[in-house]
Protein backbone atom coordinates (compact mmCIF):
# COMPACT_ATOMS: atom_id res chain seq x y z
CA MET A 1 0.00 0.00 0.00
CA ILE A 2 1.49 3.33 -1.12
CA ILE A 3 1.71 5.95 1.65
CA ALA A 4 3.35 8.77 -0.32
CA GLU A 5 5.35 9.56 -3.44
CA THR A 6 8.14 12.02 -4.06
CA LYS A 7 9.94 13.06 -7.21
CA ARG A 8 12.16 9.95 -7.13
CA LEU A 9 10.55 7.62 -4.59
CA VAL A 10 7.51 5.51 -3.87
CA ILE A 11 6.93 5.13 -0.12
CA SER A 12 4.86 2.10 0.85
CA LYS A 13 4.03 -0.25 3.67
CA ILE A 14 6.49 -3.05 4.28
CA SER A 15 5.22 -6.63 3.95
CA LEU A 16 6.63 -10.08 4.69
CA GLU A 17 7.69 -10.28 1.02
CA ASP A 18 10.22 -7.55 1.88
CA ALA A 19 12.06 -9.83 4.32
CA PRO A 20 15.05 -10.43 1.97
CA PHE A 21 15.53 -6.67 1.51
CA PHE A 22 15.10 -6.02 5.23
CA LEU A 23 17.63 -8.76 6.06
CA LYS A 24 20.14 -7.07 3.75
CA LEU A 25 19.44 -3.62 5.24
CA VAL A 26 19.82 -4.59 8.92
CA ASN A 27 23.14 -6.28 8.18
CA THR A 28 24.77 -3.29 6.48
CA PRO A 29 27.81 -1.84 8.28
CA ASN A 30 26.10 1.48 9.13
CA TRP A 31 22.95 -0.21 10.49
CA ILE A 32 25.08 -2.36 12.77
CA LYS A 33 27.32 0.58 13.77
CA TYR A 34 24.61 3.19 14.36
CA ILE A 35 21.42 1.26 15.08
CA GLY A 36 22.70 -2.03 16.41
CA ASP A 37 23.07 -5.67 15.46
CA ARG A 38 19.61 -7.25 15.45
CA ASN A 39 21.16 -10.71 15.01
CA LEU A 40 19.01 -11.47 11.98
CA LYS A 41 20.74 -14.13 9.89
CA THR A 42 17.97 -15.75 7.84
CA ILE A 43 14.88 -14.74 5.88
CA LYS A 44 12.81 -16.39 8.63
CA ASP A 45 14.55 -14.18 11.25
CA ALA A 46 13.68 -11.11 9.18
CA GLU A 47 10.06 -12.25 8.75
CA ASP A 48 9.71 -12.76 12.50
CA TYR A 49 11.26 -9.35 13.21
CA LEU A 50 8.92 -7.65 10.73
CA THR A 51 5.87 -9.50 12.13
CA ASN A 52 6.66 -8.55 15.73
CA GLY A 53 7.79 -5.00 14.95
CA ILE A 54 6.79 -3.03 11.88
CA LEU A 55 3.72 -5.08 10.91
CA LYS A 56 2.50 -5.11 14.53
CA SER A 57 2.92 -1.31 14.62
CA TYR A 58 0.77 -0.91 11.50
CA LYS A 59 -1.94 -3.05 13.08
CA GLU A 60 -1.87 -1.42 16.54
CA LEU A 61 -0.99 2.22 15.75
CA GLY A 62 -1.71 2.63 12.04
CA PHE A 63 1.86 3.70 11.27
CA GLY A 64 5.38 2.31 11.23
CA PHE A 65 8.47 2.26 9.07
CA TYR A 66 7.93 2.35 5.32
CA LYS A 67 9.86 0.92 2.41
CA LEU A 68 11.48 3.38 0.02
CA GLN A 69 11.68 2.36 -3.62
CA THR A 70 13.08 4.27 -6.57
CA LYS A 71 10.62 5.21 -9.28
CA LEU A 72 13.37 4.58 -11.82
CA ASN A 73 13.51 0.79 -11.35
CA ASN A 74 11.44 -0.07 -8.24
CA GLU A 75 14.62 -0.87 -6.30
CA SER A 76 14.20 -0.94 -2.51
CA ILE A 77 16.78 1.46 -1.08
CA GLY A 78 15.88 1.99 2.57
CA ILE A 79 13.23 2.64 5.18
CA CYS A 80 11.85 5.76 6.80
CA GLY A 81 9.04 6.14 9.25
CA LEU A 82 7.55 6.33 12.68
CA VAL A 83 7.76 4.12 15.75
CA LYS A 84 6.29 4.42 19.23
CA ARG A 85 8.87 3.16 21.72
CA GLU A 86 7.80 2.61 25.32
CA GLN A 87 11.04 4.32 26.42
CA LEU A 88 10.07 7.64 24.76
CA ASP A 89 7.09 9.91 25.50
CA GLU A 90 6.38 10.80 21.87
CA VAL A 91 6.51 9.06 18.49
CA ASP A 92 10.04 8.52 17.21
CA PHE A 93 11.14 9.26 13.65
CA GLY A 94 13.88 7.29 11.91
CA PHE A 95 15.48 6.23 8.65
CA ALA A 96 18.09 3.85 7.24
CA PHE A 97 19.48 3.28 3.75
CA LEU A 98 21.51 0.71 1.86
CA PRO A 99 25.09 2.05 1.60
CA GLU A 100 24.95 2.71 -2.14
CA PHE A 101 22.00 5.11 -1.66
CA GLU A 102 23.40 7.18 1.21
CA GLY A 103 24.40 10.79 0.54
CA LYS A 104 22.22 11.15 -2.57
CA GLY A 105 19.41 13.25 -1.09
CA PHE A 106 16.99 10.34 -0.66
CA GLY A 107 16.97 10.79 3.12
CA PHE A 108 15.76 14.37 2.96
CA GLU A 109 13.29 13.57 0.19
CA ALA A 110 11.73 10.61 2.01
CA SER A 111 11.83 12.27 5.42
CA THR A 112 10.02 15.38 4.20
CA ALA A 113 7.22 13.17 2.85
CA ILE A 114 7.01 11.14 6.08
CA LEU A 115 6.86 14.30 8.23
CA LYS A 116 3.91 15.47 6.12
CA VAL A 117 2.21 12.07 6.52
CA ALA A 118 2.82 12.14 10.29
CA LYS A 119 1.12 15.53 10.58
CA GLU A 120 -1.68 15.18 8.03
CA LEU A 121 -2.59 11.50 8.16
CA PHE A 122 -1.77 10.61 11.76
CA ASN A 123 -2.26 14.02 13.39
CA ILE A 124 1.05 13.76 15.23
CA LYS A 125 1.93 17.06 16.91
CA LYS A 126 5.52 16.36 17.97
CA LEU A 127 8.16 13.90 16.81
CA LEU A 128 11.32 12.75 18.51
CA ALA A 129 14.45 11.31 16.95
CA ILE A 130 17.37 9.55 18.61
CA THR A 131 20.85 8.95 17.29
CA LEU A 132 24.33 8.14 18.44
CA PRO A 133 26.55 11.20 19.00
CA ILE A 134 29.00 9.82 16.41
CA ASN A 135 26.35 9.55 13.66
CA SER A 136 27.10 12.92 12.07
CA ASN A 137 25.16 12.21 8.86
CA SER A 138 21.94 11.49 10.76
CA ILE A 139 22.45 14.56 12.96
CA LYS A 140 22.93 16.75 9.86
CA LEU A 141 19.77 15.36 8.25
CA LEU A 142 17.70 15.80 11.42
CA GLU A 143 18.85 19.42 11.72
CA LYS A 144 18.13 20.05 8.02
CA LEU A 145 14.60 18.71 8.63
CA GLY A 146 14.10 21.18 11.49
CA PHE A 147 14.67 18.88 14.45
CA THR A 148 16.41 20.52 17.38
CA TYR A 149 18.72 18.90 19.89
CA GLU A 150 17.15 18.59 23.35
CA LYS A 151 19.40 16.43 25.54
CA ARG A 152 21.43 13.28 25.98
CA ILE A 153 19.48 10.21 27.11
CA LYS A 154 20.06 6.53 27.91
CA PRO A 155 16.68 5.01 26.99
CA PHE A 156 17.67 1.38 26.50
CA GLU A 157 19.13 -1.38 28.64
CA ASP A 158 22.47 -1.24 26.82
CA ASP A 159 23.14 2.06 28.67
CA GLU A 160 24.30 3.67 25.41
CA GLU A 161 24.05 7.45 25.48
CA LEU A 162 21.99 8.87 22.61
CA LEU A 163 21.16 12.36 21.43
CA LEU A 164 17.46 13.24 21.59
CA PHE A 165 16.05 15.60 18.98
CA ALA A 166 12.49 16.94 18.69
CA LYS A 167 10.33 18.67 16.11
CA GLN A 168 6.92 20.28 16.54
CA LEU A 169 4.59 19.43 13.64
CA ASP A 170 1.58 21.48 14.68
CA ILE A 171 3.07 24.83 13.75
């Protein structure tokens, strides 16, 4: 199901058929470095992760992470979307790309569309975003999108310190 389109991208809901792509994405060096190793090694692992995460979020909240595909050749290049984590008070915004599609403007393009969807379709008033302090590319993109740094937090059991950003959507 298509959620939005941009000049170069089709943004749609992820399905179990996307498990091979998702498995590839979560095992890229930057995913592991900046997001964390999810220990997904097989298509079945990816299907289970999608079922218990993104697909469950669609069912329970109506939103989640979305697959980004190029209009040029329908190639899946990354994900961008919304997640409600119990550790955070507001909905969290995030994105990830296959290495060969980083730094080409797809992040800003997809993110702008998702921010519009968050506000108009889901009536979200404020979004949060978290990232590692060393993830300078994500920090730059968040700032370009109008997110502002709020504080350092340790929301997860791994005790890793993250930067918390926020953006008001109801302005």
